[in-house]
């Protein structure tokens, strides 16, 4: 498990690092080693947050930056991992947070830290795997049901998501399919197109019509599999 600590109180930050190291030693033979990265400011932790399974946050000494700002930044980047607000000078429990936020009082007790890690482990076990889509200057993380289809355009694949966002992934359709082949819902009928079979609205003669009106040609060799996926999600229409 990978843990991120963001605390602008260096003494508290170092103490939490030590507690996590001891917790890791206890869990090495059961739930595995705990790896912790420590940050003293919001910009550092927000630079690459998707690699972490749980966050421990407390920002109370940096003017103009609060723990809520860090949480908003994490959520804005698509973080679904549990976020633990470490309560000291700021009464986080009195604020409104997303459902993946829990609370831990300072000074942190060993047993309460252990419970928060157990909570994070359960969420990690239930979480869907994330698909990494790299743009020129950005990386987007999505789940399989969020991808509608992708169309190769030059050095990119323009991926349309179910929320109508588009991602210009630096990839070829073949490389993208290699990344997604573990998900049987994706169909790769040509060298330029990949689409998610769960979002086929109807089948035509060697064609599929997607829920947003997009239409893709399907070679004869792909029709049986396409029909199978369509029936899996829509029944025998």
Foldseek 3Di string as FASTA:
>chain_A
DEEEEEEQPVVLQVVVVVLLQVVQVVCCVPPRGYHYDYHHDLVVCLPDPPVHLEYEDAYDPDPPDGSVNSLVSCVVQPDPHAYEYEDDPDDCVVDDDDPSYHYAYPVGDSVVVVVVVVVSVVCVVVDADWQWFDDPPDIHTDHPQQWFKWFDDVQWIWTAGPVRDTDTGRHWPVVVCVSVVVPLQWDDQDRTMIGGLLQFPDDDDQWTAGPVGDIDGHDPVCVVSSQVSNCVNPNND
